[in-house]
Amino acid sequence: MPSRKVIIPEGMENIYDTYHYAPGILVGDTLYCSGQVGRDENLNVVEGAEAQFTQAFENAGKVLAAAGASFDDVVELESWFAGSMDELKTFMAVKDRYFTNRYPTWTGFSVKGFSMPGILVEIKCKAILGLSDA
């Protein structure tokens, strides 16, 4: 039977302790990453669409790395955009900085809003560890 391991990267302890959810859960070789947004370690929303998208991917990268994975191990990506998808072109340009060799499946949604004002996007991914070595 596979084991269940909570993944909490350095600097994300406050998410687990304050909001009671794990940035990632590793079950066997599958990593389930919680949605990541464009906030810094102090939970301040980053200003500007490109900077916020970049921060969201950086945060996802921290969860992946803490579990021993990389963006090459990601098999599924979901993104939710606040209000509209007007910044989709910018988002895709940022996404392509992180997914350069192996592209995941990807689904994008437009939503009414997020739990914190000013958030423009939330990204969530699933990774299978060891794929970047294959």
N, C-alpha and C. Protein backbone atom coordinates (compact mmCIF):
# COMPACT_ATOMS: atom_id res chain seq x y z
N MET A 1 0.84 -1.17 0.00
CA MET A 1 0.00 0.00 0.00
C MET A 1 0.89 1.25 0.00
N PRO A 2 0.59 2.24 -0.86
CA PRO A 2 1.42 3.45 -0.90
C PRO A 2 1.27 4.28 0.38
N SER A 3 2.30 5.03 0.67
CA SER A 3 2.25 5.89 1.85
C SER A 3 1.78 7.29 1.46
N ARG A 4 1.36 8.05 2.46
CA ARG A 4 0.90 9.43 2.28
C ARG A 4 1.85 10.33 3.05
N LYS A 5 2.46 11.28 2.33
CA LYS A 5 3.43 12.18 2.96
C LYS A 5 3.05 13.62 2.66
N VAL A 6 2.96 14.43 3.70
CA VAL A 6 2.67 15.85 3.54
C VAL A 6 3.93 16.56 3.09
N ILE A 7 3.81 17.41 2.08
CA ILE A 7 4.94 18.17 1.55
C ILE A 7 4.75 19.64 1.92
N ILE A 8 5.67 20.17 2.71
CA ILE A 8 5.62 21.58 3.12
C ILE A 8 7.00 22.19 2.85
N PRO A 9 7.14 22.91 1.74
CA PRO A 9 8.42 23.54 1.45
C PRO A 9 8.76 24.62 2.49
N GLU A 10 10.04 24.86 2.65
CA GLU A 10 10.49 25.94 3.54
C GLU A 10 9.84 27.24 3.09
N GLY A 11 9.29 27.98 4.04
CA GLY A 11 8.63 29.23 3.74
C GLY A 11 7.13 29.08 3.56
N MET A 12 6.63 27.85 3.51
CA MET A 12 5.18 27.63 3.36
C MET A 12 4.58 27.01 4.62
N GLU A 13 5.33 27.01 5.69
CA GLU A 13 4.82 26.44 6.95
C GLU A 13 3.57 27.18 7.42
N ASN A 14 3.52 28.50 7.18
CA ASN A 14 2.37 29.29 7.64
C ASN A 14 1.08 28.85 6.95
N ILE A 15 1.15 28.36 5.73
CA ILE A 15 -0.04 27.86 5.04
C ILE A 15 -0.60 26.65 5.78
N TYR A 16 0.29 25.74 6.13
CA TYR A 16 -0.14 24.52 6.83
C TYR A 16 -0.64 24.85 8.24
N ASP A 17 0.12 25.68 8.95
CA ASP A 17 -0.21 25.98 10.34
C ASP A 17 -1.43 26.89 10.49
N THR A 18 -1.56 27.89 9.62
CA THR A 18 -2.64 28.88 9.74
C THR A 18 -3.91 28.47 9.01
N TYR A 19 -3.76 27.96 7.79
CA TYR A 19 -4.93 27.67 6.96
C TYR A 19 -5.28 26.18 6.91
N HIS A 20 -4.44 25.36 7.51
CA HIS A 20 -4.71 23.93 7.67
C HIS A 20 -4.91 23.18 6.36
N TYR A 21 -4.02 23.44 5.41
CA TYR A 21 -3.97 22.60 4.22
C TYR A 21 -2.51 22.42 3.82
N ALA A 22 -2.25 21.34 3.13
CA ALA A 22 -0.89 21.01 2.74
C ALA A 22 -0.59 21.58 1.35
N PRO A 23 0.58 22.19 1.18
CA PRO A 23 0.97 22.62 -0.16
C PRO A 23 1.06 21.44 -1.14
N GLY A 24 1.40 20.28 -0.62
CA GLY A 24 1.45 19.09 -1.47
C GLY A 24 1.24 17.84 -0.65
N ILE A 25 0.74 16.80 -1.30
CA ILE A 25 0.60 15.48 -0.69
C ILE A 25 1.21 14.49 -1.68
N LEU A 26 2.16 13.71 -1.20
CA LEU A 26 2.80 12.68 -2.01
C LEU A 26 2.21 11.33 -1.62
N VAL A 27 1.61 10.65 -2.58
CA VAL A 27 1.05 9.32 -2.37
C VAL A 27 1.76 8.40 -3.36
N GLY A 28 2.59 7.51 -2.82
CA GLY A 28 3.42 6.70 -3.71
C GLY A 28 4.34 7.61 -4.49
N ASP A 29 4.27 7.55 -5.81
CA ASP A 29 5.10 8.42 -6.64
C ASP A 29 4.29 9.55 -7.28
N THR A 30 3.04 9.75 -6.81
CA THR A 30 2.19 10.81 -7.35
C THR A 30 2.12 11.97 -6.37
N LEU A 31 2.43 13.17 -6.87
CA LEU A 31 2.39 14.38 -6.06
C LEU A 31 1.18 15.21 -6.46
N TYR A 32 0.34 15.49 -5.47
CA TYR A 32 -0.82 16.35 -5.66
C TYR A 32 -0.47 17.71 -5.06
N CYS A 33 -0.41 18.73 -5.89
CA CYS A 33 -0.05 20.07 -5.42
C CYS A 33 -1.30 20.92 -5.24
N SER A 34 -1.40 21.59 -4.09
CA SER A 34 -2.48 22.54 -3.88
C SER A 34 -2.33 23.70 -4.84
N GLY A 35 -3.42 24.39 -5.08
CA GLY A 35 -3.36 25.57 -5.94
C GLY A 35 -2.39 26.60 -5.39
N GLN A 36 -1.60 27.16 -6.29
CA GLN A 36 -0.61 28.17 -5.91
C GLN A 36 -0.97 29.49 -6.58
N VAL A 37 -0.81 30.55 -5.84
CA VAL A 37 -1.14 31.88 -6.34
C VAL A 37 0.08 32.78 -6.27
N GLY A 38 -0.07 33.99 -6.75
CA GLY A 38 1.03 34.94 -6.79
C GLY A 38 1.18 35.72 -5.49
N ARG A 39 1.51 34.99 -4.41
CA ARG A 39 1.80 35.61 -3.12
C ARG A 39 3.23 35.29 -2.74
N ASP A 40 3.85 36.21 -2.01
CA ASP A 40 5.19 35.95 -1.51
C ASP A 40 5.12 35.17 -0.21
N GLU A 41 6.27 34.92 0.42
CA GLU A 41 6.31 34.12 1.65
C GLU A 41 5.55 34.76 2.81
N ASN A 42 5.34 36.09 2.74
CA ASN A 42 4.59 36.79 3.78
C ASN A 42 3.11 36.88 3.45
N LEU A 43 2.69 36.14 2.41
CA LEU A 43 1.30 36.10 1.93
C LEU A 43 0.82 37.41 1.35
N ASN A 44 1.77 38.24 0.90
CA ASN A 44 1.42 39.48 0.22
C ASN A 44 1.23 39.20 -1.26
N VAL A 45 0.16 39.73 -1.85
CA VAL A 45 -0.12 39.54 -3.27
C VAL A 45 0.89 40.35 -4.08
N VAL A 46 1.51 39.70 -5.04
CA VAL A 46 2.48 40.34 -5.93
C VAL A 46 1.71 41.21 -6.93
N GLU A 47 2.23 42.39 -7.22
CA GLU A 47 1.58 43.32 -8.14
C GLU A 47 1.95 43.03 -9.58
N GLY A 48 0.99 43.14 -10.47
CA GLY A 48 1.20 42.99 -11.90
C GLY A 48 0.97 41.56 -12.36
N ALA A 49 0.31 41.42 -13.51
CA ALA A 49 -0.07 40.10 -14.01
C ALA A 49 1.13 39.19 -14.24
N GLU A 50 2.12 39.63 -14.99
CA GLU A 50 3.26 38.77 -15.29
C GLU A 50 4.01 38.38 -14.02
N ALA A 51 4.21 39.33 -13.12
CA ALA A 51 4.90 39.04 -11.86
C ALA A 51 4.10 38.06 -11.01
N GLN A 52 2.77 38.21 -11.00
CA GLN A 52 1.94 37.30 -10.22
C GLN A 52 1.96 35.89 -10.81
N PHE A 53 1.89 35.79 -12.13
CA PHE A 53 1.95 34.48 -12.78
C PHE A 53 3.28 33.80 -12.48
N THR A 54 4.35 34.58 -12.57
CA THR A 54 5.69 34.05 -12.29
C THR A 54 5.77 33.56 -10.86
N GLN A 55 5.26 34.34 -9.91
CA GLN A 55 5.31 33.95 -8.50
C GLN A 55 4.51 32.68 -8.26
N ALA A 56 3.36 32.54 -8.92
CA ALA A 56 2.56 31.32 -8.77
C ALA A 56 3.35 30.10 -9.24
N PHE A 57 4.04 30.21 -10.37
CA PHE A 57 4.86 29.10 -10.86
C PHE A 57 6.06 28.86 -9.95
N GLU A 58 6.66 29.92 -9.42
CA GLU A 58 7.77 29.75 -8.48
C GLU A 58 7.29 29.00 -7.24
N ASN A 59 6.11 29.35 -6.75
CA ASN A 59 5.56 28.66 -5.58
C ASN A 59 5.28 27.19 -5.89
N ALA A 60 4.73 26.91 -7.07
CA ALA A 60 4.51 25.52 -7.47
C ALA A 60 5.84 24.79 -7.58
N GLY A 61 6.85 25.46 -8.09
CA GLY A 61 8.18 24.86 -8.20
C GLY A 61 8.77 24.49 -6.85
N LYS A 62 8.48 25.29 -5.83
CA LYS A 62 8.96 24.98 -4.47
C LYS A 62 8.32 23.70 -3.95
N VAL A 63 7.03 23.53 -4.22
CA VAL A 63 6.34 22.31 -3.78
C VAL A 63 6.91 21.11 -4.53
N LEU A 64 7.07 21.25 -5.83
CA LEU A 64 7.64 20.16 -6.63
C LEU A 64 9.02 19.78 -6.10
N ALA A 65 9.89 20.78 -5.92
CA ALA A 65 11.27 20.51 -5.47
C ALA A 65 11.30 19.86 -4.09
N ALA A 66 10.41 20.30 -3.20
CA ALA A 66 10.38 19.73 -1.85
C ALA A 66 10.04 18.25 -1.87
N ALA A 67 9.35 17.82 -2.93
CA ALA A 67 8.99 16.40 -3.06
C ALA A 67 9.98 15.64 -3.93
N GLY A 68 11.01 16.33 -4.44
CA GLY A 68 11.99 15.68 -5.30
C GLY A 68 11.56 15.63 -6.76
N ALA A 69 10.67 16.54 -7.15
CA ALA A 69 10.16 16.57 -8.52
C ALA A 69 10.57 17.87 -9.21
N SER A 70 10.24 17.96 -10.48
CA SER A 70 10.47 19.18 -11.27
C SER A 70 9.27 19.37 -12.20
N PHE A 71 9.28 20.47 -12.93
CA PHE A 71 8.20 20.71 -13.88
C PHE A 71 8.16 19.63 -14.97
N ASP A 72 9.27 18.96 -15.23
CA ASP A 72 9.28 17.87 -16.21
C ASP A 72 8.49 16.65 -15.72
N ASP A 73 8.22 16.58 -14.42
CA ASP A 73 7.43 15.48 -13.85
C ASP A 73 5.93 15.78 -13.85
N VAL A 74 5.54 17.02 -14.15
CA VAL A 74 4.14 17.41 -14.11
C VAL A 74 3.39 16.80 -15.30
N VAL A 75 2.28 16.14 -14.98
CA VAL A 75 1.46 15.52 -16.04
C VAL A 75 0.14 16.27 -16.23
N GLU A 76 -0.26 17.06 -15.25
CA GLU A 76 -1.53 17.78 -15.35
C GLU A 76 -1.39 19.16 -14.73
N LEU A 77 -1.87 20.16 -15.45
CA LEU A 77 -1.85 21.54 -14.98
C LEU A 77 -3.25 22.11 -15.14
N GLU A 78 -3.73 22.77 -14.09
CA GLU A 78 -5.00 23.50 -14.15
C GLU A 78 -4.72 24.94 -13.76
N SER A 79 -5.41 25.86 -14.41
CA SER A 79 -5.27 27.27 -14.06
C SER A 79 -6.64 27.91 -14.03
N TRP A 80 -6.83 28.74 -13.02
CA TRP A 80 -8.06 29.49 -12.86
C TRP A 80 -7.70 30.96 -12.93
N PHE A 81 -8.47 31.70 -13.72
CA PHE A 81 -8.22 33.13 -13.92
C PHE A 81 -9.38 33.93 -13.34
N ALA A 82 -9.06 34.99 -12.59
CA ALA A 82 -10.08 35.83 -11.98
C ALA A 82 -10.78 36.66 -13.05
N GLY A 83 -12.09 36.53 -13.11
CA GLY A 83 -12.90 37.36 -14.00
C GLY A 83 -12.86 36.98 -15.46
N SER A 84 -11.75 37.23 -16.10
CA SER A 84 -11.64 36.95 -17.53
C SER A 84 -10.28 36.33 -17.82
N MET A 85 -10.11 35.98 -19.05
CA MET A 85 -8.83 35.39 -19.46
C MET A 85 -8.08 36.37 -20.38
N ASP A 86 -8.21 37.67 -20.10
CA ASP A 86 -7.59 38.70 -20.92
C ASP A 86 -6.06 38.59 -20.92
N GLU A 87 -5.50 38.06 -19.86
CA GLU A 87 -4.04 37.96 -19.74
C GLU A 87 -3.54 36.57 -20.14
N LEU A 88 -4.34 35.82 -20.90
CA LEU A 88 -3.96 34.46 -21.27
C LEU A 88 -2.65 34.41 -22.04
N LYS A 89 -2.44 35.34 -22.94
CA LYS A 89 -1.20 35.36 -23.73
C LYS A 89 0.02 35.53 -22.81
N THR A 90 -0.10 36.42 -21.84
CA THR A 90 0.99 36.63 -20.88
C THR A 90 1.19 35.38 -20.04
N PHE A 91 0.08 34.77 -19.59
CA PHE A 91 0.17 33.55 -18.80
C PHE A 91 0.89 32.46 -19.58
N MET A 92 0.53 32.28 -20.84
CA MET A 92 1.15 31.23 -21.65
C MET A 92 2.65 31.47 -21.82
N ALA A 93 3.05 32.73 -21.97
CA ALA A 93 4.47 33.05 -22.09
C ALA A 93 5.21 32.69 -20.81
N VAL A 94 4.61 32.97 -19.65
CA VAL A 94 5.24 32.62 -18.37
C VAL A 94 5.27 31.10 -18.22
N LYS A 95 4.16 30.45 -18.51
CA LYS A 95 4.07 28.98 -18.40
C LYS A 95 5.16 28.32 -19.22
N ASP A 96 5.41 28.85 -20.40
CA ASP A 96 6.41 28.25 -21.29
C ASP A 96 7.85 28.43 -20.80
N ARG A 97 8.06 29.28 -19.82
CA ARG A 97 9.39 29.39 -19.19
C ARG A 97 9.64 28.20 -18.27
N TYR A 98 8.58 27.61 -17.74
CA TYR A 98 8.68 26.51 -16.79
C TYR A 98 8.51 25.14 -17.44
N PHE A 99 7.72 25.08 -18.48
CA PHE A 99 7.53 23.83 -19.22
C PHE A 99 8.24 23.96 -20.55
N THR A 100 9.49 23.52 -20.58
CA THR A 100 10.31 23.71 -21.77
C THR A 100 10.58 22.43 -22.54
N ASN A 101 10.49 21.29 -21.87
CA ASN A 101 10.80 20.01 -22.52
C ASN A 101 9.58 19.11 -22.65
N ARG A 102 8.87 18.96 -21.56
CA ARG A 102 7.72 18.06 -21.51
C ARG A 102 6.50 18.88 -21.13
N TYR A 103 5.49 18.82 -21.98
CA TYR A 103 4.30 19.61 -21.73
C TYR A 103 3.24 18.76 -21.04
N PRO A 104 2.58 19.32 -20.02
CA PRO A 104 1.53 18.58 -19.32
C PRO A 104 0.19 18.75 -20.05
N THR A 105 -0.80 18.01 -19.61
CA THR A 105 -2.15 18.36 -20.01
C THR A 105 -2.45 19.69 -19.33
N TRP A 106 -3.38 20.46 -19.88
CA TRP A 106 -3.65 21.78 -19.30
C TRP A 106 -5.10 22.14 -19.52
N THR A 107 -5.74 22.59 -18.45
CA THR A 107 -7.11 23.07 -18.52
C THR A 107 -7.16 24.43 -17.83
N GLY A 108 -7.78 25.41 -18.48
CA GLY A 108 -7.91 26.74 -17.91
C GLY A 108 -9.36 27.12 -17.71
N PHE A 109 -9.63 27.83 -16.63
CA PHE A 109 -10.98 28.25 -16.28
C PHE A 109 -11.00 29.73 -15.96
N SER A 110 -12.12 30.36 -16.19
CA SER A 110 -12.37 31.71 -15.70
C SER A 110 -13.32 31.58 -14.51
N VAL A 111 -12.97 32.22 -13.39
CA VAL A 111 -13.78 32.15 -12.19
C VAL A 111 -14.12 33.56 -11.70
N LYS A 112 -15.08 33.64 -10.81
CA LYS A 112 -15.53 34.94 -10.32
C LYS A 112 -14.49 35.62 -9.43
N GLY A 113 -13.78 34.85 -8.63
CA GLY A 113 -12.80 35.45 -7.73
C GLY A 113 -12.15 34.40 -6.85
N PHE A 114 -11.24 34.87 -5.99
CA PHE A 114 -10.48 33.99 -5.12
C PHE A 114 -10.66 34.42 -3.66
N SER A 115 -10.08 33.66 -2.76
CA SER A 115 -10.25 33.91 -1.33
C SER A 115 -9.51 35.15 -0.84
N MET A 116 -8.63 35.68 -1.65
CA MET A 116 -7.86 36.87 -1.26
C MET A 116 -7.97 37.91 -2.37
N PRO A 117 -8.32 39.15 -2.04
CA PRO A 117 -8.43 40.19 -3.06
C PRO A 117 -7.12 40.40 -3.81
N GLY A 118 -7.23 40.65 -5.09
CA GLY A 118 -6.05 40.96 -5.90
C GLY A 118 -5.43 39.77 -6.60
N ILE A 119 -5.84 38.56 -6.24
CA ILE A 119 -5.30 37.37 -6.89
C ILE A 119 -5.86 37.30 -8.31
N LEU A 120 -4.98 37.12 -9.29
CA LEU A 120 -5.38 37.05 -10.69
C LEU A 120 -5.47 35.62 -11.21
N VAL A 121 -4.66 34.73 -10.63
CA VAL A 121 -4.61 33.36 -11.14
C VAL A 121 -4.27 32.40 -10.00
N GLU A 122 -4.75 31.18 -10.14
CA GLU A 122 -4.33 30.09 -9.26
C GLU A 122 -4.01 28.90 -10.15
N ILE A 123 -2.87 28.26 -9.88
CA ILE A 123 -2.49 27.09 -10.67
C ILE A 123 -2.36 25.88 -9.75
N LYS A 124 -2.71 24.75 -10.29
CA LYS A 124 -2.67 23.49 -9.55
C LYS A 124 -2.08 22.44 -10.48
N CYS A 125 -1.26 21.55 -9.94
CA CYS A 125 -0.69 20.53 -10.79
C CYS A 125 -0.58 19.18 -10.09
N LYS A 126 -0.42 18.18 -10.91
CA LYS A 126 -0.19 16.81 -10.44
C LYS A 126 1.07 16.32 -11.15
N ALA A 127 1.95 15.69 -10.39
CA ALA A 127 3.22 15.21 -10.95
C ALA A 127 3.43 13.75 -10.57
N ILE A 128 4.14 13.04 -11.44
CA ILE A 128 4.55 11.68 -11.17
C ILE A 128 6.06 11.71 -11.03
N LEU A 129 6.56 11.45 -9.82
CA LEU A 129 7.99 11.53 -9.57
C LEU A 129 8.76 10.53 -10.43
N GLY A 130 9.92 10.97 -10.90
CA GLY A 130 10.77 10.12 -11.69
C GLY A 130 10.60 10.25 -13.18
N LEU A 131 9.58 10.98 -13.63
CA LEU A 131 9.39 11.12 -15.07
C LEU A 131 10.49 11.93 -15.72
N SER A 132 11.06 12.89 -14.97
CA SER A 132 12.12 13.71 -15.56
C SER A 132 13.39 12.90 -15.81
N ASP A 133 13.50 11.74 -15.16
CA ASP A 133 14.65 10.87 -15.37
C ASP A 133 14.44 9.90 -16.52
N ALA A 134 13.19 9.74 -16.93
CA ALA A 134 12.86 8.73 -17.97
C ALA A 134 13.07 9.26 -19.37
